[in-house]
């Protein structure tokens, strides 16, 4: 049996909880959502809910901002990271298929 806490993509944490965990202001979390840098899930009542995965991404955003990056630049970096991950998965799939074909007589 899998619990919601075991799922890194389960949206369990409120804005206040995440702000306290990361030592940031709630307004900062709303701002990065408004800039589409991190897009938390919404509860039935419209409140933002964050997963552990999104909290990790927010930590990355904080680090990049501390290094002088702007929110648009960070959004682009994250988009490029997603593209690289997708291309890497595609490459690995193709390499696996090619290896299977070369093994088959």
PDB file of N, CA and C in Angstrom:
ATOM      1  N   UNK A   1       0.840  -1.190   0.000  1.00  0.00           N
ATOM      2  CA  UNK A   1       0.000   0.000   0.000  1.00  0.00           C
ATOM      3  C   UNK A   1       0.881   1.248   0.000  1.00  0.00           C
ATOM      4  N   UNK A   2       0.637   2.129  -0.934  1.00  0.00           N
ATOM      5  CA  UNK A   2       1.415   3.362  -1.037  1.00  0.00           C
ATOM      6  C   UNK A   2       0.658   4.500  -0.365  1.00  0.00           C
ATOM      7  N   UNK A   3       1.344   5.226   0.470  1.00  0.00           N
ATOM      8  CA  UNK A   3       0.761   6.380   1.150  1.00  0.00           C
ATOM      9  C   UNK A   3       1.048   7.646   0.360  1.00  0.00           C
ATOM     10  N   UNK A   4       0.193   8.666   0.472  1.00  0.00           N
ATOM     11  CA  UNK A   4       0.456   9.922  -0.236  1.00  0.00           C
ATOM     12  C   UNK A   4       1.828  10.520   0.086  1.00  0.00           C
ATOM     13  N   UNK A   5       2.293  10.319   1.323  1.00  0.00           N
ATOM     14  CA  UNK A   5       3.602  10.868   1.708  1.00  0.00           C
ATOM     15  C   UNK A   5       4.742  10.180   0.957  1.00  0.00           C
ATOM     16  N   UNK A   6       4.488   8.971   0.452  1.00  0.00           N
ATOM     17  CA  UNK A   6       5.512   8.241  -0.288  1.00  0.00           C
ATOM     18  C   UNK A   6       5.651   8.733  -1.720  1.00  0.00           C
ATOM     19  N   UNK A   7       4.637   9.426  -2.213  1.00  0.00           N
ATOM     20  CA  UNK A   7       4.621   9.908  -3.594  1.00  0.00           C
ATOM     21  C   UNK A   7       5.210  11.311  -3.650  1.00  0.00           C
ATOM     22  N   UNK A   8       6.349  11.454  -4.317  1.00  0.00           N
ATOM     23  CA  UNK A   8       7.006  12.768  -4.363  1.00  0.00           C
ATOM     24  C   UNK A   8       6.212  13.783  -5.170  1.00  0.00           C
ATOM     25  N   UNK A   9       5.195  13.327  -5.917  1.00  0.00           N
ATOM     26  CA  UNK A   9       4.375  14.236  -6.726  1.00  0.00           C
ATOM     27  C   UNK A   9       3.020  14.530  -6.087  1.00  0.00           C
ATOM     28  N   UNK A  10       2.766  13.976  -4.899  1.00  0.00           N
ATOM     29  CA  UNK A  10       1.508  14.237  -4.199  1.00  0.00           C
ATOM     30  C   UNK A  10       1.531  15.651  -3.625  1.00  0.00           C
ATOM     31  N   UNK A  11       0.520  16.438  -3.962  1.00  0.00           N
ATOM     32  CA  UNK A  11       0.446  17.834  -3.521  1.00  0.00           C
ATOM     33  C   UNK A  11      -0.124  17.891  -2.108  1.00  0.00           C
ATOM     34  N   UNK A  12       0.761  17.953  -1.138  1.00  0.00           N
ATOM     35  CA  UNK A  12       0.356  17.848   0.260  1.00  0.00           C
ATOM     36  C   UNK A  12       0.607  19.103   1.088  1.00  0.00           C
ATOM     37  N   UNK A  13       1.478  19.982   0.643  1.00  0.00           N
ATOM     38  CA  UNK A  13       1.949  21.070   1.491  1.00  0.00           C
ATOM     39  C   UNK A  13       1.346  22.409   1.080  1.00  0.00           C
ATOM     40  N   UNK A  14       0.950  23.195   2.061  1.00  0.00           N
ATOM     41  CA  UNK A  14       0.366  24.510   1.818  1.00  0.00           C
ATOM     42  C   UNK A  14       1.466  25.554   1.595  1.00  0.00           C
ATOM     43  N   UNK A  15       1.051  26.724   1.147  1.00  0.00           N
ATOM     44  CA  UNK A  15       1.995  27.828   0.943  1.00  0.00           C
ATOM     45  C   UNK A  15       2.720  28.150   2.251  1.00  0.00           C
ATOM     46  N   UNK A  16       1.975  28.217   3.337  1.00  0.00           N
ATOM     47  CA  UNK A  16       2.580  28.532   4.632  1.00  0.00           C
ATOM     48  C   UNK A  16       3.589  27.494   5.076  1.00  0.00           C
ATOM     49  N   UNK A  17       3.257  26.231   4.886  1.00  0.00           N
ATOM     50  CA  UNK A  17       4.179  25.165   5.267  1.00  0.00           C
ATOM     51  C   UNK A  17       5.459  25.225   4.454  1.00  0.00           C
ATOM     52  N   UNK A  18       5.331  25.422   3.156  1.00  0.00           N
ATOM     53  CA  UNK A  18       6.511  25.480   2.281  1.00  0.00           C
ATOM     54  C   UNK A  18       7.354  26.706   2.614  1.00  0.00           C
ATOM     55  N   UNK A  19       6.708  27.831   2.833  1.00  0.00           N
ATOM     56  CA  UNK A  19       7.444  29.050   3.198  1.00  0.00           C
ATOM     57  C   UNK A  19       8.244  28.828   4.479  1.00  0.00           C
ATOM     58  N   UNK A  20       7.625  28.192   5.473  1.00  0.00           N
ATOM     59  CA  UNK A  20       8.329  27.906   6.727  1.00  0.00           C
ATOM     60  C   UNK A  20       9.483  26.932   6.515  1.00  0.00           C
ATOM     61  N   UNK A  21       9.241  25.890   5.709  1.00  0.00           N
ATOM     62  CA  UNK A  21      10.282  24.877   5.459  1.00  0.00           C
ATOM     63  C   UNK A  21      11.515  25.486   4.814  1.00  0.00           C
ATOM     64  N   UNK A  22      11.285  26.384   3.839  1.00  0.00           N
ATOM     65  CA  UNK A  22      12.388  26.904   3.029  1.00  0.00           C
ATOM     66  C   UNK A  22      12.888  28.269   3.490  1.00  0.00           C
ATOM     67  N   UNK A  23      12.223  28.853   4.458  1.00  0.00           N
ATOM     68  CA  UNK A  23      12.650  30.160   4.946  1.00  0.00           C
ATOM     69  C   UNK A  23      12.442  31.261   3.923  1.00  0.00           C
ATOM     70  N   UNK A  24      11.343  31.167   3.166  1.00  0.00           N
ATOM     71  CA  UNK A  24      11.004  32.197   2.180  1.00  0.00           C
ATOM     72  C   UNK A  24       9.645  32.776   2.545  1.00  0.00           C
ATOM     73  N   UNK A  25       9.305  33.872   1.905  1.00  0.00           N
ATOM     74  CA  UNK A  25       8.002  34.493   2.152  1.00  0.00           C
ATOM     75  C   UNK A  25       6.933  33.859   1.275  1.00  0.00           C
ATOM     76  N   UNK A  26       5.724  33.855   1.782  1.00  0.00           N
ATOM     77  CA  UNK A  26       4.607  33.333   1.010  1.00  0.00           C
ATOM     78  C   UNK A  26       4.426  34.124  -0.285  1.00  0.00           C
ATOM     79  N   UNK A  27       4.685  35.418  -0.237  1.00  0.00           N
ATOM     80  CA  UNK A  27       4.567  36.256  -1.435  1.00  0.00           C
ATOM     81  C   UNK A  27       5.552  35.802  -2.514  1.00  0.00           C
ATOM     82  N   UNK A  28       6.732  35.344  -2.099  1.00  0.00           N
ATOM     83  CA  UNK A  28       7.710  34.829  -3.055  1.00  0.00           C
ATOM     84  C   UNK A  28       7.155  33.599  -3.766  1.00  0.00           C
ATOM     85  N   UNK A  29       6.518  32.711  -3.021  1.00  0.00           N
ATOM     86  CA  UNK A  29       5.943  31.503  -3.621  1.00  0.00           C
ATOM     87  C   UNK A  29       4.830  31.865  -4.600  1.00  0.00           C
ATOM     88  N   UNK A  30       4.013  32.839  -4.243  1.00  0.00           N
ATOM     89  CA  UNK A  30       2.957  33.275  -5.163  1.00  0.00           C
ATOM     90  C   UNK A  30       3.555  33.913  -6.411  1.00  0.00           C
ATOM     91  N   UNK A  31       4.639  34.658  -6.239  1.00  0.00           N
ATOM     92  CA  UNK A  31       5.275  35.330  -7.379  1.00  0.00           C
ATOM     93  C   UNK A  31       5.876  34.333  -8.360  1.00  0.00           C
ATOM     94  N   UNK A  32       6.545  33.290  -7.860  1.00  0.00           N
ATOM     95  CA  UNK A  32       7.121  32.324  -8.800  1.00  0.00           C
ATOM     96  C   UNK A  32       6.032  31.501  -9.474  1.00  0.00           C
ATOM     97  N   UNK A  33       4.877  31.372  -8.828  1.00  0.00           N
ATOM     98  CA  UNK A  33       3.725  30.736  -9.473  1.00  0.00           C
ATOM     99  C   UNK A  33       3.176  31.665 -10.560  1.00  0.00           C
ATOM    100  N   UNK A  34       3.030  32.948 -10.242  1.00  0.00           N
ATOM    101  CA  UNK A  34       2.525  33.916 -11.228  1.00  0.00           C
ATOM    102  C   UNK A  34       3.422  34.000 -12.457  1.00  0.00           C
ATOM    103  N   UNK A  35       4.723  33.784 -12.274  1.00  0.00           N
ATOM    104  CA  UNK A  35       5.683  33.824 -13.387  1.00  0.00           C
ATOM    105  C   UNK A  35       5.864  32.450 -14.048  1.00  0.00           C
ATOM    106  N   UNK A  36       5.045  31.481 -13.658  1.00  0.00           N
ATOM    107  CA  UNK A  36       5.089  30.127 -14.221  1.00  0.00           C
ATOM    108  C   UNK A  36       6.446  29.453 -14.070  1.00  0.00           C
ATOM    109  N   UNK A  37       7.142  29.779 -12.995  1.00  0.00           N
ATOM    110  CA  UNK A  37       8.413  29.119 -12.716  1.00  0.00           C
ATOM    111  C   UNK A  37       8.147  27.791 -12.016  1.00  0.00           C
ATOM    112  N   UNK A  38       7.232  27.799 -11.069  1.00  0.00           N
ATOM    113  CA  UNK A  38       6.753  26.606 -10.386  1.00  0.00           C
ATOM    114  C   UNK A  38       5.233  26.713 -10.380  1.00  0.00           C
ATOM    115  N   UNK A  39       4.568  25.641 -10.763  1.00  0.00           N
ATOM    116  CA  UNK A  39       3.098  25.654 -10.832  1.00  0.00           C
ATOM    117  C   UNK A  39       2.526  24.602  -9.885  1.00  0.00           C
ATOM    118  N   UNK A  40       2.204  25.018  -8.654  1.00  0.00           N
ATOM    119  CA  UNK A  40       1.660  24.058  -7.702  1.00  0.00           C
ATOM    120  C   UNK A  40       0.243  23.639  -8.107  1.00  0.00           C
ATOM    121  N   UNK A  41      -0.177  22.534  -7.542  1.00  0.00           N
ATOM    122  CA  UNK A  41      -1.546  22.078  -7.747  1.00  0.00           C
ATOM    123  C   UNK A  41      -2.477  22.988  -6.966  1.00  0.00           C
ATOM    124  N   UNK A  42      -3.748  22.923  -7.266  1.00  0.00           N
ATOM    125  CA  UNK A  42      -4.740  23.710  -6.534  1.00  0.00           C
ATOM    126  C   UNK A  42      -5.711  22.764  -5.841  1.00  0.00           C
ATOM    127  N   UNK A  43      -6.059  23.100  -4.614  1.00  0.00           N
ATOM    128  CA  UNK A  43      -7.064  22.321  -3.888  1.00  0.00           C
ATOM    129  C   UNK A  43      -8.433  22.647  -4.471  1.00  0.00           C
ATOM    130  N   UNK A  44      -9.447  21.939  -4.019  1.00  0.00           N
ATOM    131  CA  UNK A  44     -10.810  22.202  -4.479  1.00  0.00           C
ATOM    132  C   UNK A  44     -11.213  23.648  -4.189  1.00  0.00           C
ATOM    133  N   UNK A  45     -10.662  24.217  -3.131  1.00  0.00           N
ATOM    134  CA  UNK A  45     -10.950  25.603  -2.766  1.00  0.00           C
ATOM    135  C   UNK A  45     -10.042  26.612  -3.447  1.00  0.00           C
ATOM    136  N   UNK A  46      -9.144  26.142  -4.329  1.00  0.00           N
ATOM    137  CA  UNK A  46      -8.263  27.049  -5.068  1.00  0.00           C
ATOM    138  C   UNK A  46      -6.951  27.373  -4.380  1.00  0.00           C
ATOM    139  N   UNK A  47      -6.681  26.756  -3.233  1.00  0.00           N
ATOM    140  CA  UNK A  47      -5.430  27.034  -2.528  1.00  0.00           C
ATOM    141  C   UNK A  47      -4.283  26.245  -3.156  1.00  0.00           C
ATOM    142  N   UNK A  48      -3.115  26.868  -3.167  1.00  0.00           N
ATOM    143  CA  UNK A  48      -1.931  26.207  -3.714  1.00  0.00           C
ATOM    144  C   UNK A  48      -1.511  25.053  -2.803  1.00  0.00           C
ATOM    145  N   UNK A  49      -1.129  23.938  -3.438  1.00  0.00           N
ATOM    146  CA  UNK A  49      -0.614  22.775  -2.726  1.00  0.00           C
ATOM    147  C   UNK A  49       0.635  22.299  -3.450  1.00  0.00           C
ATOM    148  N   UNK A  50       1.697  22.089  -2.692  1.00  0.00           N
ATOM    149  CA  UNK A  50       2.993  21.738  -3.251  1.00  0.00           C
ATOM    150  C   UNK A  50       3.369  20.294  -2.942  1.00  0.00           C
ATOM    151  N   UNK A  51       4.037  19.672  -3.884  1.00  0.00           N
ATOM    152  CA  UNK A  51       4.572  18.320  -3.695  1.00  0.00           C
ATOM    153  C   UNK A  51       6.037  18.429  -3.274  1.00  0.00           C
ATOM    154  N   UNK A  52       6.604  17.308  -2.830  1.00  0.00           N
ATOM    155  CA  UNK A  52       8.037  17.301  -2.502  1.00  0.00           C
ATOM    156  C   UNK A  52       8.861  17.641  -3.732  1.00  0.00           C
ATOM    157  N   UNK A  53       8.427  17.171  -4.894  1.00  0.00           N
ATOM    158  CA  UNK A  53       9.130  17.468  -6.135  1.00  0.00           C
ATOM    159  C   UNK A  53       9.154  18.973  -6.394  1.00  0.00           C
ATOM    160  N   UNK A  54       8.019  19.637  -6.221  1.00  0.00           N
ATOM    161  CA  UNK A  54       7.951  21.088  -6.436  1.00  0.00           C
ATOM    162  C   UNK A  54       8.761  21.848  -5.393  1.00  0.00           C
ATOM    163  N   UNK A  55       8.791  21.341  -4.175  1.00  0.00           N
ATOM    164  CA  UNK A  55       9.596  21.981  -3.132  1.00  0.00           C
ATOM    165  C   UNK A  55      11.074  21.930  -3.521  1.00  0.00           C
ATOM    166  N   UNK A  56      11.513  20.813  -4.081  1.00  0.00           N
ATOM    167  CA  UNK A  56      12.894  20.721  -4.566  1.00  0.00           C
ATOM    168  C   UNK A  56      13.173  21.724  -5.661  1.00  0.00           C
ATOM    169  N   UNK A  57      12.194  21.906  -6.553  1.00  0.00           N
ATOM    170  CA  UNK A  57      12.358  22.877  -7.635  1.00  0.00           C
ATOM    171  C   UNK A  57      12.428  24.299  -7.069  1.00  0.00           C
ATOM    172  N   UNK A  58      11.623  24.576  -6.035  1.00  0.00           N
ATOM    173  CA  UNK A  58      11.667  25.903  -5.403  1.00  0.00           C
ATOM    174  C   UNK A  58      13.037  26.140  -4.784  1.00  0.00           C
ATOM    175  N   UNK A  59      13.609  25.112  -4.167  1.00  0.00           N
ATOM    176  CA  UNK A  59      14.959  25.253  -3.606  1.00  0.00           C
ATOM    177  C   UNK A  59      15.952  25.619  -4.705  1.00  0.00           C
ATOM    178  N   UNK A  60      15.789  25.002  -5.872  1.00  0.00           N
ATOM    179  CA  UNK A  60      16.660  25.321  -7.000  1.00  0.00           C
ATOM    180  C   UNK A  60      16.456  26.770  -7.440  1.00  0.00           C
ATOM    181  N   UNK A  61      15.201  27.225  -7.461  1.00  0.00           N
ATOM    182  CA  UNK A  61      14.902  28.605  -7.837  1.00  0.00           C
ATOM    183  C   UNK A  61      15.573  29.575  -6.868  1.00  0.00           C
ATOM    184  N   UNK A  62      15.469  29.287  -5.586  1.00  0.00           N
ATOM    185  CA  UNK A  62      16.090  30.145  -4.565  1.00  0.00           C
ATOM    186  C   UNK A  62      17.598  30.219  -4.796  1.00  0.00           C
ATOM    187  N   UNK A  63      18.225  29.092  -5.059  1.00  0.00           N
ATOM    188  CA  UNK A  63      19.669  29.063  -5.311  1.00  0.00           C
ATOM    189  C   UNK A  63      20.026  29.903  -6.534  1.00  0.00           C
ATOM    190  N   UNK A  64      19.272  29.732  -7.618  1.00  0.00           N
ATOM    191  CA  UNK A  64      19.556  30.485  -8.839  1.00  0.00           C
ATOM    192  C   UNK A  64      19.332  31.984  -8.637  1.00  0.00           C
ATOM    193  N   UNK A  65      18.312  32.344  -7.877  1.00  0.00           N
ATOM    194  CA  UNK A  65      18.080  33.770  -7.593  1.00  0.00           C
ATOM    195  C   UNK A  65      19.214  34.342  -6.753  1.00  0.00           C
ATOM    196  N   UNK A  66      19.718  33.537  -5.802  1.00  0.00           N
ATOM    197  CA  UNK A  66      20.853  33.978  -4.987  1.00  0.00           C
ATOM    198  C   UNK A  66      22.094  34.203  -5.846  1.00  0.00           C
ATOM    199  N   UNK A  67      22.165  33.498  -6.998  1.00  0.00           N
ATOM    200  CA  UNK A  67      23.285  33.663  -7.921  1.00  0.00           C
ATOM    201  C   UNK A  67      23.052  34.806  -8.907  1.00  0.00           C
ATOM    202  N   UNK A  68      21.920  35.512  -8.780  1.00  0.00           N
ATOM    203  CA  UNK A  68      21.660  36.680  -9.605  1.00  0.00           C
ATOM    204  C   UNK A  68      20.770  36.458 -10.815  1.00  0.00           C
ATOM    205  N   UNK A  69      20.190  35.277 -10.929  1.00  0.00           N
ATOM    206  CA  UNK A  69      19.315  34.990 -12.072  1.00  0.00           C
ATOM    207  C   UNK A  69      17.954  35.654 -11.884  1.00  0.00           C
ATOM    208  N   UNK A  70      17.336  36.042 -12.987  1.00  0.00           N
ATOM    209  CA  UNK A  70      15.985  36.604 -12.957  1.00  0.00           C
ATOM    210  C   UNK A  70      14.968  35.473 -13.100  1.00  0.00           C
ATOM    211  N   UNK A  71      13.714  35.752 -12.762  1.00  0.00           N
ATOM    212  CA  UNK A  71      12.679  34.729 -12.887  1.00  0.00           C
ATOM    213  C   UNK A  71      12.485  34.267 -14.334  1.00  0.00           C
ATOM    214  N   UNK A  72      12.479  35.163 -15.332  1.00  0.00           N
ATOM    215  CA  UNK A  72      12.374  34.671 -16.710  1.00  0.00           C
ATOM    216  C   UNK A  72      13.550  33.763 -17.097  1.00  0.00           C
ATOM    217  N   UNK A  73      14.745  34.095 -16.647  1.00  0.00           N
ATOM    218  CA  UNK A  73      15.913  33.258 -16.947  1.00  0.00           C
ATOM    219  C   UNK A  73      15.776  31.896 -16.260  1.00  0.00           C
ATOM    220  N   UNK A  74      15.303  31.894 -15.032  1.00  0.00           N
ATOM    221  CA  UNK A  74      15.124  30.643 -14.297  1.00  0.00           C
ATOM    222  C   UNK A  74      14.061  29.786 -14.970  1.00  0.00           C
ATOM    223  N   UNK A  75      12.970  30.416 -15.399  1.00  0.00           N
ATOM    224  CA  UNK A  75      11.921  29.676 -16.103  1.00  0.00           C
ATOM    225  C   UNK A  75      12.494  29.009 -17.345  1.00  0.00           C
ATOM    226  N   UNK A  76      13.345  29.709 -18.084  1.00  0.00           N
ATOM    227  CA  UNK A  76      13.963  29.160 -19.292  1.00  0.00           C
ATOM    228  C   UNK A  76      14.922  28.022 -18.944  1.00  0.00           C
ATOM    229  N   UNK A  77      15.701  28.176 -17.897  1.00  0.00           N
ATOM    230  CA  UNK A  77      16.625  27.123 -17.460  1.00  0.00           C
ATOM    231  C   UNK A  77      15.848  25.859 -17.125  1.00  0.00           C
ATOM    232  N   UNK A  78      14.754  26.007 -16.387  1.00  0.00           N
ATOM    233  CA  UNK A  78      13.949  24.844 -16.006  1.00  0.00           C
ATOM    234  C   UNK A  78      13.341  24.192 -17.248  1.00  0.00           C
ATOM    235  N   UNK A  79      12.855  25.004 -18.190  1.00  0.00           N
ATOM    236  CA  UNK A  79      12.297  24.451 -19.433  1.00  0.00           C
ATOM    237  C   UNK A  79      13.360  23.675 -20.203  1.00  0.00           C
ATOM    238  N   UNK A  80      14.565  24.215 -20.267  1.00  0.00           N
ATOM    239  CA  UNK A  80      15.654  23.523 -20.968  1.00  0.00           C
ATOM    240  C   UNK A  80      16.047  22.230 -20.250  1.00  0.00           C
ATOM    241  N   UNK A  81      16.022  22.245 -18.924  1.00  0.00           N
ATOM    242  CA  UNK A  81      16.311  21.022 -18.169  1.00  0.00           C
ATOM    243  C   UNK A  81      15.290  19.939 -18.491  1.00  0.00           C
ATOM    244  N   UNK A  82      14.020  20.330 -18.618  1.00  0.00           N
ATOM    245  CA  UNK A  82      12.972  19.358 -18.973  1.00  0.00           C
ATOM    246  C   UNK A  82      13.192  18.817 -20.379  1.00  0.00           C
ATOM    247  N   UNK A  83      13.571  19.694 -21.313  1.00  0.00           N
ATOM    248  CA  UNK A  83      13.843  19.253 -22.681  1.00  0.00           C
ATOM    249  C   UNK A  83      15.021  18.282 -22.722  1.00  0.00           C
ATOM    250  N   UNK A  84      16.064  18.593 -21.981  1.00  0.00           N
ATOM    251  CA  UNK A  84      17.237  17.709 -21.936  1.00  0.00           C
ATOM    252  C   UNK A  84      16.845  16.348 -21.366  1.00  0.00           C
ATOM    253  N   UNK A  85      16.053  16.344 -20.309  1.00  0.00           N
ATOM    254  CA  UNK A  85      15.619  15.076 -19.709  1.00  0.00           C
ATOM    255  C   UNK A  85      14.799  14.258 -20.707  1.00  0.00           C
ATOM    256  N   UNK A  86      13.898  14.909 -21.444  1.00  0.00           N
ATOM    257  CA  UNK A  86      13.081  14.203 -22.436  1.00  0.00           C
ATOM    258  C   UNK A  86      13.956  13.652 -23.555  1.00  0.00           C
ATOM    259  N   UNK A  87      14.902  14.441 -24.024  1.00  0.00           N
ATOM    260  CA  UNK A  87      15.809  13.976 -25.080  1.00  0.00           C
ATOM    261  C   UNK A  87      16.694  12.826 -24.594  1.00  0.00           C
ATOM    262  N   UNK A  88      17.113  12.890 -23.366  1.00  0.00           N
ATOM    263  CA  UNK A  88      17.935  11.821 -22.799  1.00  0.00           C
ATOM    264  C   UNK A  88      17.135  10.522 -22.722  1.00  0.00           C
ATOM    265  N   UNK A  89      15.869  10.620 -22.281  1.00  0.00           N
ATOM    266  CA  UNK A  89      15.021   9.423 -22.243  1.00  0.00           C
ATOM    267  C   UNK A  89      14.824   8.858 -23.649  1.00  0.00           C
ATOM    268  N   UNK A  90      14.582   9.740 -24.616  1.00  0.00           N
ATOM    269  CA  UNK A  90      14.391   9.290 -25.998  1.00  0.00           C
ATOM    270  C   UNK A  90      15.655   8.626 -26.539  1.00  0.00           C
ATOM    271  N   UNK A  91      16.804   9.219 -26.276  1.00  0.00           N
ATOM    272  CA  UNK A  91      18.074   8.632 -26.707  1.00  0.00           C
ATOM    273  C   UNK A  91      18.276   7.255 -26.102  1.00  0.00           C
ATOM    274  N   UNK A  92      17.997   7.138 -24.805  1.00  0.00           N
ATOM    275  CA  UNK A  92      18.174   5.860 -24.124  1.00  0.00           C
ATOM    276  C   UNK A  92      17.228   4.794 -24.678  1.00  0.00           C
ATOM    277  N   UNK A  93      16.005   5.181 -24.971  1.00  0.00           N
ATOM    278  CA  UNK A  93      15.038   4.248 -25.558  1.00  0.00           C
ATOM    279  C   UNK A  93      15.510   3.781 -26.930  1.00  0.00           C
ATOM    280  N   UNK A  94      15.957   4.721 -27.752  1.00  0.00           N
ATOM    281  CA  UNK A  94      16.444   4.369 -29.090  1.00  0.00           C
ATOM    282  C   UNK A  94      17.697   3.500 -29.014  1.00  0.00           C
ATOM    283  N   UNK A  95      18.594   3.806 -28.105  1.00  0.00           N
ATOM    284  CA  UNK A  95      19.811   3.001 -27.946  1.00  0.00           C
ATOM    285  C   UNK A  95      19.450   1.586 -27.510  1.00  0.00           C
ATOM    286  N   UNK A  96      18.482   1.457 -26.641  1.00  0.00           N
ATOM    287  CA  UNK A  96      18.038   0.134 -26.191  1.00  0.00           C
ATOM    288  C   UNK A  96      17.425  -0.645 -27.353  1.00  0.00           C
ATOM    289  N   UNK A  97      16.577   0.009 -28.135  1.00  0.00           N
ATOM    290  CA  UNK A  97      15.962  -0.661 -29.287  1.00  0.00           C
ATOM    291  C   UNK A  97      17.008  -1.073 -30.308  1.00  0.00           C
ATOM    292  N   UNK A  98      17.980  -0.208 -30.551  1.00  0.00           N
ATOM    293  CA  UNK A  98      19.057  -0.534 -31.503  1.00  0.00           C
ATOM    294  C   UNK A  98      19.868  -1.725 -31.007  1.00  0.00           C
ATOM    295  N   UNK A  99      20.171  -1.727 -29.720  1.00  0.00           N
ATOM    296  CA  UNK A  99      20.930  -2.849 -29.153  1.00  0.00           C
ATOM    297  C   UNK A  99      20.163  -4.151 -29.279  1.00  0.00           C
ATOM    298  N   UNK A 100      18.858  -4.112 -29.085  1.00  0.00           N
ATOM    299  CA  UNK A 100      18.040  -5.312 -29.237  1.00  0.00           C
ATOM    300  C   UNK A 100      18.043  -5.801 -30.699  1.00  0.00           C
ATOM    301  N   UNK A 101      17.977  -4.871 -31.625  1.00  0.00           N
ATOM    302  CA  UNK A 101      17.953  -5.254 -33.049  1.00  0.00           C
ATOM    303  C   UNK A 101      19.286  -5.830 -33.506  1.00  0.00           C
ATOM    304  N   UNK A 102      20.367  -5.332 -32.987  1.00  0.00           N
ATOM    305  CA  UNK A 102      21.684  -5.833 -33.405  1.00  0.00           C
ATOM    306  C   UNK A 102      21.963  -7.193 -32.785  1.00  0.00           C
ATOM    307  N   UNK A 103      21.312  -7.524 -31.675  1.00  0.00           N
ATOM    308  CA  UNK A 103      21.483  -8.834 -31.038  1.00  0.00           C
ATOM    309  C   UNK A 103      20.689  -9.913 -31.750  1.00  0.00           C
ATOM    310  N   UNK A 104      19.587  -9.528 -32.357  1.00  0.00           N
ATOM    311  CA  UNK A 104      18.699 -10.500 -33.013  1.00  0.00           C
ATOM    312  C   UNK A 104      19.260 -10.875 -34.374  1.00  0.00           C
ATOM    313  N   UNK A 105      19.406 -12.203 -34.642  1.00  0.00           N
ATOM    314  CA  UNK A 105      19.972 -12.618 -35.949  1.00  0.00           C
ATOM    315  C   UNK A 105      19.020 -12.411 -37.091  1.00  0.00           C
TER     316      UNK A 105
END
